[in-house]
Each structure stands twice: as C-alpha cells, then as structure tokens.
C-alpha cells in the first residue's frame, strides 16, 4: 500500500458515495488507474464494505450506554456462547473483547431509559456466562466514526 492508496482510503472514508471520476480527481489520478487501485483495495480486504452512517437520534434511538461484562470461566464454550448471544441483540451496535477486566465492552442503543432498562433486565443481565455486568450512560459524543489515520 502506497501513498495513493492511502489517499483513496482517506477520501472514501470521508465520502463513500464519491463517483470514480470524483475520487480520481481528488487523488489526482486518471480514472482507469484509480478504478484499478480501488478494485485492488476492495479485493485485498482493505475496504470491507460501504454503508450509510445513520444518525441514531434521527431514528428515535436517543439513549446510549456502554456496558461492561465480566464472564465466569466455567468451561471453554463460555466465550463462544456469550458472543453468539450478544450478536443476536440488535441494540448492541458495537462489541469488543478486551484483555483484563472487564472481558467485554458493549455499546448499546435504545429509545430511552425505560427501553434500555427493559433490554438490560430481559436480555443483557441474562447473557450466558456473565459473572458481573455494569453500565455507564453516554452523555455526549466527542468523536464518532472518525476516519482511520493514514
């Protein structure tokens, strides 16, 4: 990956709807070489997919919590069972396994506090293998969906 590939990635992270002509112009390449590089970035896995970034509040998801989960290590299937259960909860929009404690960090969205409380009581607190779960409420977003540095 060279500097031109990094420029292409930067531009697409800022606006994934650029036409190939607009992209080529922004990175100062002609259309054919730009298109070839774009295809190579896609096939190499550097570009995983394209998607719209939706404003959660605009679609009624005005509440966000960061949930920390620590697991009981009963047997080796604990992690897989927990992760499968987390993946099945649509309100969990991001999940990361961590080194140390806690074991997981989950980003959870809901309509409001009451909806989050129901989700917590009915699903999050009942996740398999959980020893302890705690959450903190998001007050404000400072940085969201920032492009990766190049």
N, C-alpha and C. Protein backbone atom coordinates (compact mmCIF):
# COMPACT_ATOMS: atom_id res chain seq x y z
N UNK A 1 0.85 -1.17 0.00
CA UNK A 1 0.00 0.00 0.00
C UNK A 1 0.90 1.24 0.00
N UNK A 2 0.63 2.11 -0.93
CA UNK A 2 1.44 3.32 -1.04
C UNK A 2 0.61 4.56 -0.70
N UNK A 3 1.21 5.72 -0.90
CA UNK A 3 0.56 6.98 -0.58
C UNK A 3 -0.74 7.22 -1.34
N UNK A 4 -0.79 6.81 -2.62
CA UNK A 4 -2.02 6.99 -3.40
C UNK A 4 -3.15 6.12 -2.86
N UNK A 5 -2.82 4.88 -2.48
CA UNK A 5 -3.84 4.02 -1.89
C UNK A 5 -4.37 4.64 -0.60
N UNK A 6 -3.49 5.19 0.19
CA UNK A 6 -3.92 5.82 1.44
C UNK A 6 -4.79 7.05 1.18
N UNK A 7 -4.47 7.81 0.14
CA UNK A 7 -5.32 8.95 -0.23
C UNK A 7 -6.70 8.48 -0.65
N UNK A 8 -6.76 7.41 -1.42
CA UNK A 8 -8.05 6.85 -1.85
C UNK A 8 -8.86 6.44 -0.62
N UNK A 9 -8.23 5.75 0.31
CA UNK A 9 -8.93 5.32 1.52
C UNK A 9 -9.42 6.51 2.34
N UNK A 10 -8.59 7.53 2.46
CA UNK A 10 -8.99 8.72 3.21
C UNK A 10 -10.21 9.38 2.58
N UNK A 11 -10.18 9.56 1.27
CA UNK A 11 -11.32 10.20 0.59
C UNK A 11 -12.60 9.37 0.72
N UNK A 12 -12.49 8.07 0.59
CA UNK A 12 -13.68 7.22 0.71
C UNK A 12 -14.22 7.16 2.13
N UNK A 13 -13.35 7.29 3.12
CA UNK A 13 -13.83 7.33 4.50
C UNK A 13 -14.60 8.61 4.76
N UNK A 14 -14.21 9.67 4.09
CA UNK A 14 -14.92 10.94 4.25
C UNK A 14 -16.23 10.95 3.48
N UNK A 15 -16.25 10.30 2.31
CA UNK A 15 -17.46 10.27 1.48
C UNK A 15 -17.45 9.00 0.62
N UNK A 16 -18.12 7.98 1.11
CA UNK A 16 -18.17 6.70 0.41
C UNK A 16 -19.03 6.70 -0.84
N UNK A 17 -19.70 7.81 -1.13
CA UNK A 17 -20.56 7.88 -2.31
C UNK A 17 -19.89 8.59 -3.49
N UNK A 18 -18.60 8.85 -3.38
CA UNK A 18 -17.90 9.50 -4.48
C UNK A 18 -17.96 8.64 -5.73
N UNK A 19 -18.17 9.27 -6.86
CA UNK A 19 -18.05 8.52 -8.11
C UNK A 19 -16.57 8.28 -8.37
N UNK A 20 -16.28 7.35 -9.23
CA UNK A 20 -14.88 7.06 -9.55
C UNK A 20 -14.21 8.29 -10.17
N UNK A 21 -14.97 9.07 -10.92
CA UNK A 21 -14.42 10.29 -11.52
C UNK A 21 -14.07 11.31 -10.45
N UNK A 22 -14.96 11.50 -9.47
CA UNK A 22 -14.69 12.43 -8.38
C UNK A 22 -13.51 11.96 -7.53
N UNK A 23 -13.47 10.68 -7.26
CA UNK A 23 -12.38 10.11 -6.47
C UNK A 23 -11.05 10.30 -7.19
N UNK A 24 -11.02 9.99 -8.47
CA UNK A 24 -9.79 10.15 -9.26
C UNK A 24 -9.31 11.59 -9.23
N UNK A 25 -10.22 12.52 -9.35
CA UNK A 25 -9.87 13.94 -9.32
C UNK A 25 -9.28 14.34 -7.97
N UNK A 26 -9.88 13.87 -6.89
CA UNK A 26 -9.42 14.23 -5.55
C UNK A 26 -8.03 13.68 -5.24
N UNK A 27 -7.72 12.50 -5.79
CA UNK A 27 -6.40 11.90 -5.51
C UNK A 27 -5.40 12.16 -6.63
N UNK A 28 -5.84 12.94 -7.62
CA UNK A 28 -5.00 13.36 -8.74
C UNK A 28 -4.47 12.18 -9.54
N UNK A 29 -5.41 11.31 -9.93
CA UNK A 29 -5.12 10.18 -10.82
C UNK A 29 -6.11 10.21 -11.96
N UNK A 30 -5.79 9.56 -13.05
CA UNK A 30 -6.79 9.40 -14.10
C UNK A 30 -7.74 8.29 -13.66
N UNK A 31 -8.89 8.20 -14.32
CA UNK A 31 -9.96 7.32 -13.88
C UNK A 31 -9.55 5.84 -13.89
N UNK A 32 -8.94 5.38 -14.96
CA UNK A 32 -8.60 3.94 -15.05
C UNK A 32 -7.66 3.47 -13.95
N UNK A 33 -6.53 4.14 -13.71
CA UNK A 33 -5.66 3.69 -12.63
C UNK A 33 -6.33 3.79 -11.25
N UNK A 34 -7.15 4.81 -11.07
CA UNK A 34 -7.86 4.97 -9.80
C UNK A 34 -8.83 3.81 -9.60
N UNK A 35 -9.55 3.47 -10.64
CA UNK A 35 -10.51 2.36 -10.56
C UNK A 35 -9.80 1.05 -10.28
N UNK A 36 -8.66 0.83 -10.91
CA UNK A 36 -7.88 -0.39 -10.71
C UNK A 36 -7.41 -0.47 -9.24
N UNK A 37 -6.91 0.65 -8.73
CA UNK A 37 -6.47 0.68 -7.33
C UNK A 37 -7.64 0.42 -6.38
N UNK A 38 -8.78 1.01 -6.69
CA UNK A 38 -9.97 0.81 -5.85
C UNK A 38 -10.36 -0.66 -5.82
N UNK A 39 -10.40 -1.30 -6.99
CA UNK A 39 -10.72 -2.74 -7.04
C UNK A 39 -9.71 -3.56 -6.24
N UNK A 40 -8.43 -3.19 -6.33
CA UNK A 40 -7.40 -3.91 -5.57
C UNK A 40 -7.60 -3.74 -4.06
N UNK A 41 -7.95 -2.53 -3.64
CA UNK A 41 -8.20 -2.28 -2.22
C UNK A 41 -9.41 -3.08 -1.73
N UNK A 42 -10.42 -3.19 -2.56
CA UNK A 42 -11.60 -3.98 -2.20
C UNK A 42 -11.26 -5.47 -2.13
N UNK A 43 -10.55 -5.97 -3.13
CA UNK A 43 -10.26 -7.41 -3.16
C UNK A 43 -9.24 -7.81 -2.09
N UNK A 44 -8.38 -6.89 -1.67
CA UNK A 44 -7.40 -7.21 -0.62
C UNK A 44 -8.02 -7.21 0.77
N UNK A 45 -9.22 -6.65 0.89
CA UNK A 45 -9.88 -6.55 2.18
C UNK A 45 -9.61 -5.25 2.91
N UNK A 46 -8.80 -4.36 2.32
CA UNK A 46 -8.56 -3.06 2.95
C UNK A 46 -9.88 -2.28 3.05
N UNK A 47 -10.73 -2.42 2.04
CA UNK A 47 -12.09 -1.87 2.10
C UNK A 47 -13.01 -3.06 2.31
N UNK A 48 -13.66 -3.11 3.47
CA UNK A 48 -14.52 -4.24 3.80
C UNK A 48 -15.91 -4.11 3.19
N UNK A 49 -16.47 -2.90 3.23
CA UNK A 49 -17.82 -2.69 2.70
C UNK A 49 -18.11 -1.20 2.65
N UNK A 50 -19.23 -0.86 2.07
CA UNK A 50 -19.71 0.52 2.02
C UNK A 50 -21.04 0.54 2.75
N UNK A 51 -21.29 1.62 3.50
CA UNK A 51 -22.57 1.74 4.19
C UNK A 51 -22.86 3.18 4.54
N UNK A 52 -24.11 3.44 4.85
CA UNK A 52 -24.52 4.76 5.31
C UNK A 52 -24.32 4.83 6.82
N UNK A 53 -23.91 5.97 7.32
CA UNK A 53 -23.79 6.20 8.75
C UNK A 53 -25.06 6.94 9.16
N UNK A 54 -25.89 6.28 9.97
CA UNK A 54 -27.20 6.79 10.33
C UNK A 54 -27.13 7.52 11.68
N UNK A 55 -27.77 8.66 11.75
CA UNK A 55 -27.87 9.43 12.99
C UNK A 55 -28.87 8.73 13.90
N UNK A 56 -28.39 8.16 15.00
CA UNK A 56 -29.25 7.39 15.91
C UNK A 56 -30.43 8.21 16.42
N UNK A 57 -30.20 9.44 16.81
CA UNK A 57 -31.28 10.28 17.33
C UNK A 57 -32.34 10.54 16.27
N UNK A 58 -31.95 10.66 15.03
CA UNK A 58 -32.91 10.92 13.95
C UNK A 58 -33.85 9.74 13.72
N UNK A 59 -33.46 8.55 14.16
CA UNK A 59 -34.34 7.37 14.01
C UNK A 59 -34.89 6.91 15.36
N UNK A 60 -34.87 7.82 16.34
CA UNK A 60 -35.52 7.55 17.61
C UNK A 60 -34.68 6.81 18.64
N UNK A 61 -33.39 6.64 18.39
CA UNK A 61 -32.52 5.97 19.36
C UNK A 61 -31.72 7.04 20.09
N UNK A 62 -32.36 7.61 21.11
CA UNK A 62 -31.83 8.76 21.82
C UNK A 62 -31.01 8.41 23.06
N UNK A 63 -30.87 7.14 23.35
CA UNK A 63 -30.21 6.70 24.58
C UNK A 63 -29.08 5.75 24.23
N UNK A 64 -27.94 5.94 24.88
CA UNK A 64 -26.80 5.06 24.63
C UNK A 64 -26.10 4.74 25.93
N UNK A 65 -25.69 3.50 26.06
CA UNK A 65 -24.96 3.06 27.24
C UNK A 65 -23.74 2.26 26.81
N UNK A 66 -22.71 2.33 27.61
CA UNK A 66 -21.54 1.48 27.46
C UNK A 66 -21.67 0.43 28.55
N UNK A 67 -21.68 -0.83 28.15
CA UNK A 67 -21.90 -1.93 29.08
C UNK A 67 -20.60 -2.73 29.19
N UNK A 68 -20.21 -3.01 30.42
CA UNK A 68 -19.01 -3.80 30.68
C UNK A 68 -19.46 -5.15 31.23
N UNK A 69 -18.94 -6.23 30.65
CA UNK A 69 -19.32 -7.57 31.09
C UNK A 69 -18.07 -8.35 31.46
N UNK A 70 -18.14 -8.99 32.62
CA UNK A 70 -17.09 -9.89 33.07
C UNK A 70 -17.71 -11.28 33.13
N UNK A 71 -17.02 -12.25 32.55
CA UNK A 71 -17.57 -13.61 32.46
C UNK A 71 -17.07 -14.50 33.58
N UNK A 72 -17.87 -15.53 33.88
CA UNK A 72 -17.43 -16.65 34.72
C UNK A 72 -16.78 -17.63 33.76
N UNK A 73 -15.64 -18.14 34.10
CA UNK A 73 -14.96 -19.07 33.19
C UNK A 73 -15.27 -20.49 33.63
N UNK A 74 -16.47 -20.96 33.28
CA UNK A 74 -16.90 -22.30 33.67
C UNK A 74 -16.27 -23.36 32.78
N UNK A 75 -16.26 -23.09 31.48
CA UNK A 75 -15.64 -24.02 30.53
C UNK A 75 -15.31 -23.25 29.26
N UNK A 76 -14.64 -23.90 28.35
CA UNK A 76 -14.12 -23.19 27.17
C UNK A 76 -15.21 -22.70 26.23
N UNK A 77 -16.43 -23.21 26.33
CA UNK A 77 -17.51 -22.76 25.47
C UNK A 77 -18.15 -21.46 25.96
N UNK A 78 -17.78 -21.00 27.15
CA UNK A 78 -18.38 -19.80 27.73
C UNK A 78 -18.27 -18.60 26.79
N UNK A 79 -17.08 -18.38 26.24
CA UNK A 79 -16.85 -17.23 25.37
C UNK A 79 -17.71 -17.32 24.12
N UNK A 80 -17.71 -18.46 23.46
CA UNK A 80 -18.47 -18.62 22.21
C UNK A 80 -19.97 -18.46 22.46
N UNK A 81 -20.45 -19.02 23.55
CA UNK A 81 -21.88 -18.92 23.87
C UNK A 81 -22.26 -17.48 24.15
N UNK A 82 -21.44 -16.79 24.93
CA UNK A 82 -21.69 -15.38 25.24
C UNK A 82 -21.68 -14.55 23.95
N UNK A 83 -20.66 -14.73 23.13
CA UNK A 83 -20.54 -13.93 21.91
C UNK A 83 -21.69 -14.17 20.95
N UNK A 84 -22.14 -15.40 20.82
CA UNK A 84 -23.30 -15.70 19.97
C UNK A 84 -24.55 -15.00 20.48
N UNK A 85 -24.74 -15.00 21.79
CA UNK A 85 -25.91 -14.35 22.39
C UNK A 85 -25.84 -12.83 22.19
N UNK A 86 -24.67 -12.24 22.33
CA UNK A 86 -24.51 -10.79 22.13
C UNK A 86 -24.81 -10.42 20.68
N UNK A 87 -24.31 -11.21 19.74
CA UNK A 87 -24.54 -10.93 18.32
C UNK A 87 -26.02 -10.95 17.95
N UNK A 88 -26.83 -11.65 18.73
CA UNK A 88 -28.26 -11.76 18.44
C UNK A 88 -29.08 -10.57 18.97
N UNK A 89 -28.45 -9.64 19.67
CA UNK A 89 -29.16 -8.49 20.24
C UNK A 89 -28.92 -7.29 19.31
N UNK A 90 -29.93 -6.86 18.55
CA UNK A 90 -29.73 -5.78 17.58
C UNK A 90 -29.34 -4.44 18.21
N UNK A 91 -29.71 -4.21 19.45
CA UNK A 91 -29.39 -2.93 20.10
C UNK A 91 -27.90 -2.82 20.47
N UNK A 92 -27.19 -3.94 20.43
CA UNK A 92 -25.74 -3.92 20.65
C UNK A 92 -25.12 -3.56 19.30
N UNK A 93 -24.66 -2.33 19.18
CA UNK A 93 -24.15 -1.85 17.90
C UNK A 93 -22.63 -1.96 17.79
N UNK A 94 -22.00 -2.28 18.89
CA UNK A 94 -20.55 -2.49 18.87
C UNK A 94 -20.21 -3.38 20.06
N UNK A 95 -19.31 -4.33 19.86
CA UNK A 95 -18.90 -5.22 20.94
C UNK A 95 -17.41 -5.53 20.76
N UNK A 96 -16.69 -5.46 21.85
CA UNK A 96 -15.26 -5.71 21.80
C UNK A 96 -14.85 -6.59 22.97
N UNK A 97 -14.05 -7.62 22.67
CA UNK A 97 -13.46 -8.44 23.72
C UNK A 97 -12.16 -7.75 24.15
N UNK A 98 -11.95 -7.66 25.45
CA UNK A 98 -10.82 -6.92 26.00
C UNK A 98 -9.85 -7.85 26.71
N UNK A 99 -8.60 -7.41 26.85
CA UNK A 99 -7.65 -8.08 27.73
C UNK A 99 -7.91 -7.55 29.14
N UNK A 100 -7.80 -8.40 30.13
CA UNK A 100 -8.01 -7.96 31.51
C UNK A 100 -9.48 -7.86 31.83
N UNK A 101 -9.78 -7.10 32.87
CA UNK A 101 -11.18 -6.91 33.27
C UNK A 101 -11.64 -5.51 32.92
N UNK A 102 -12.84 -5.36 32.49
CA UNK A 102 -13.82 -6.40 32.19
C UNK A 102 -13.43 -7.17 30.92
N UNK A 103 -14.17 -8.22 30.66
CA UNK A 103 -13.87 -9.05 29.49
C UNK A 103 -14.42 -8.45 28.20
N UNK A 104 -15.54 -7.74 28.28
CA UNK A 104 -16.20 -7.18 27.09
C UNK A 104 -16.67 -5.76 27.33
N UNK A 105 -16.65 -5.00 26.25
CA UNK A 105 -17.24 -3.68 26.22
C UNK A 105 -18.30 -3.70 25.12
N UNK A 106 -19.53 -3.34 25.47
CA UNK A 106 -20.63 -3.32 24.52
C UNK A 106 -21.18 -1.90 24.42
N UNK A 107 -21.43 -1.46 23.22
CA UNK A 107 -22.09 -0.16 23.00
C UNK A 107 -23.53 -0.49 22.64
N UNK A 108 -24.46 0.02 23.44
CA UNK A 108 -25.87 -0.34 23.32
C UNK A 108 -26.71 0.91 23.10
N UNK A 109 -27.63 0.86 22.14
CA UNK A 109 -28.54 1.98 21.89
C UNK A 109 -29.97 1.55 22.20
N UNK A 110 -30.79 2.53 22.59
CA UNK A 110 -32.20 2.29 22.89
C UNK A 110 -32.96 3.59 22.68
N UNK A 111 -34.29 3.49 22.68
CA UNK A 111 -35.11 4.68 22.51
C UNK A 111 -34.97 5.64 23.68
N UNK A 112 -34.98 5.09 24.88
CA UNK A 112 -34.93 5.92 26.09
C UNK A 112 -34.50 5.05 27.26
N UNK A 113 -34.47 5.64 28.44
CA UNK A 113 -34.05 4.91 29.63
C UNK A 113 -34.94 3.72 29.92
N UNK A 114 -36.24 3.88 29.77
CA UNK A 114 -37.17 2.77 30.04
C UNK A 114 -36.90 1.59 29.08
N UNK A 115 -36.68 1.89 27.82
CA UNK A 115 -36.38 0.83 26.85
C UNK A 115 -35.06 0.15 27.18
N UNK A 116 -34.07 0.93 27.61
CA UNK A 116 -32.79 0.34 28.00
C UNK A 116 -32.96 -0.54 29.23
N UNK A 117 -33.75 -0.09 30.19
CA UNK A 117 -33.97 -0.89 31.39
C UNK A 117 -34.60 -2.23 31.05
N UNK A 118 -35.58 -2.23 30.14
CA UNK A 118 -36.19 -3.49 29.71
C UNK A 118 -35.16 -4.39 29.04
N UNK A 119 -34.37 -3.81 28.15
CA UNK A 119 -33.33 -4.56 27.46
C UNK A 119 -32.33 -5.14 28.46
N UNK A 120 -31.94 -4.33 29.42
CA UNK A 120 -30.99 -4.77 30.45
C UNK A 120 -31.57 -5.95 31.24
N UNK A 121 -32.81 -5.77 31.73
CA UNK A 121 -33.43 -6.80 32.57
C UNK A 121 -33.74 -8.08 31.79
N UNK A 122 -34.20 -7.94 30.56
CA UNK A 122 -34.67 -9.10 29.80
C UNK A 122 -33.58 -9.80 29.00
N UNK A 123 -32.51 -9.08 28.62
CA UNK A 123 -31.50 -9.71 27.78
C UNK A 123 -30.08 -9.58 28.30
N UNK A 124 -29.64 -8.36 28.58
CA UNK A 124 -28.24 -8.17 28.95
C UNK A 124 -27.89 -8.88 30.25
N UNK A 125 -28.72 -8.74 31.27
CA UNK A 125 -28.44 -9.36 32.56
C UNK A 125 -28.54 -10.88 32.50
N UNK A 126 -29.16 -11.40 31.46
CA UNK A 126 -29.34 -12.85 31.32
C UNK A 126 -28.37 -13.47 30.30
N UNK A 127 -27.41 -12.70 29.84
CA UNK A 127 -26.44 -13.26 28.88
C UNK A 127 -25.71 -14.44 29.52
N UNK A 128 -25.49 -15.50 28.76
CA UNK A 128 -24.86 -16.70 29.33
C UNK A 128 -23.41 -16.44 29.75
N UNK A 129 -23.05 -17.00 30.90
CA UNK A 129 -21.68 -16.94 31.37
C UNK A 129 -21.30 -15.65 32.07
N UNK A 130 -22.25 -14.74 32.26
CA UNK A 130 -21.92 -13.45 32.86
C UNK A 130 -21.82 -13.56 34.38
N UNK A 131 -20.69 -13.09 34.88
CA UNK A 131 -20.49 -13.00 36.33
C UNK A 131 -20.94 -11.65 36.84
N UNK A 132 -20.54 -10.59 36.09
CA UNK A 132 -20.87 -9.23 36.52
C UNK A 132 -21.09 -8.38 35.28
N UNK A 133 -22.08 -7.51 35.37
CA UNK A 133 -22.36 -6.59 34.27
C UNK A 133 -22.60 -5.21 34.88
N UNK A 134 -22.02 -4.21 34.26
CA UNK A 134 -22.25 -2.84 34.72
C UNK A 134 -22.34 -1.95 33.50
N UNK A 135 -22.96 -0.81 33.68
CA UNK A 135 -23.10 0.09 32.53
C UNK A 135 -22.92 1.53 32.98
N UNK A 136 -22.57 2.32 32.01
CA UNK A 136 -22.46 3.75 32.22
C UNK A 136 -23.15 4.43 31.05
N UNK A 137 -23.75 5.57 31.28
CA UNK A 137 -24.52 6.24 30.25
C UNK A 137 -23.65 7.22 29.47
N UNK A 138 -23.88 7.28 28.19
CA UNK A 138 -23.14 8.21 27.34
C UNK A 138 -23.81 9.57 27.43
N UNK A 139 -23.05 10.57 27.82
CA UNK A 139 -23.56 11.92 27.94
C UNK A 139 -23.44 12.68 26.62
N UNK A 140 -22.30 12.49 25.94
CA UNK A 140 -22.03 13.29 24.76
C UNK A 140 -20.99 12.56 23.90
N UNK A 141 -21.16 12.66 22.59
CA UNK A 141 -20.17 12.12 21.66
C UNK A 141 -19.20 13.21 21.25
N UNK A 142 -17.93 12.96 21.46
CA UNK A 142 -16.91 13.91 21.03
C UNK A 142 -16.36 13.52 19.67
N UNK A 143 -16.08 12.25 19.49
CA UNK A 143 -15.53 11.73 18.24
C UNK A 143 -16.33 10.50 17.87
N UNK A 144 -16.86 10.51 16.67
CA UNK A 144 -17.64 9.37 16.18
C UNK A 144 -17.26 9.09 14.75
N UNK A 145 -17.09 7.83 14.43
CA UNK A 145 -16.84 7.43 13.04
C UNK A 145 -15.70 8.20 12.40
N UNK A 146 -14.68 8.47 13.16
CA UNK A 146 -13.52 9.19 12.63
C UNK A 146 -12.80 8.27 11.62
N UNK A 147 -12.40 8.82 10.50
CA UNK A 147 -11.62 8.01 9.55
C UNK A 147 -10.32 7.54 10.19
N UNK A 148 -9.87 6.37 9.78
CA UNK A 148 -8.59 5.87 10.28
C UNK A 148 -7.46 6.78 9.82
N UNK A 149 -6.45 6.95 10.64
CA UNK A 149 -5.34 7.80 10.21
C UNK A 149 -4.56 7.13 9.08
N UNK A 150 -3.91 7.94 8.29
CA UNK A 150 -3.14 7.36 7.18
C UNK A 150 -1.67 7.61 7.32
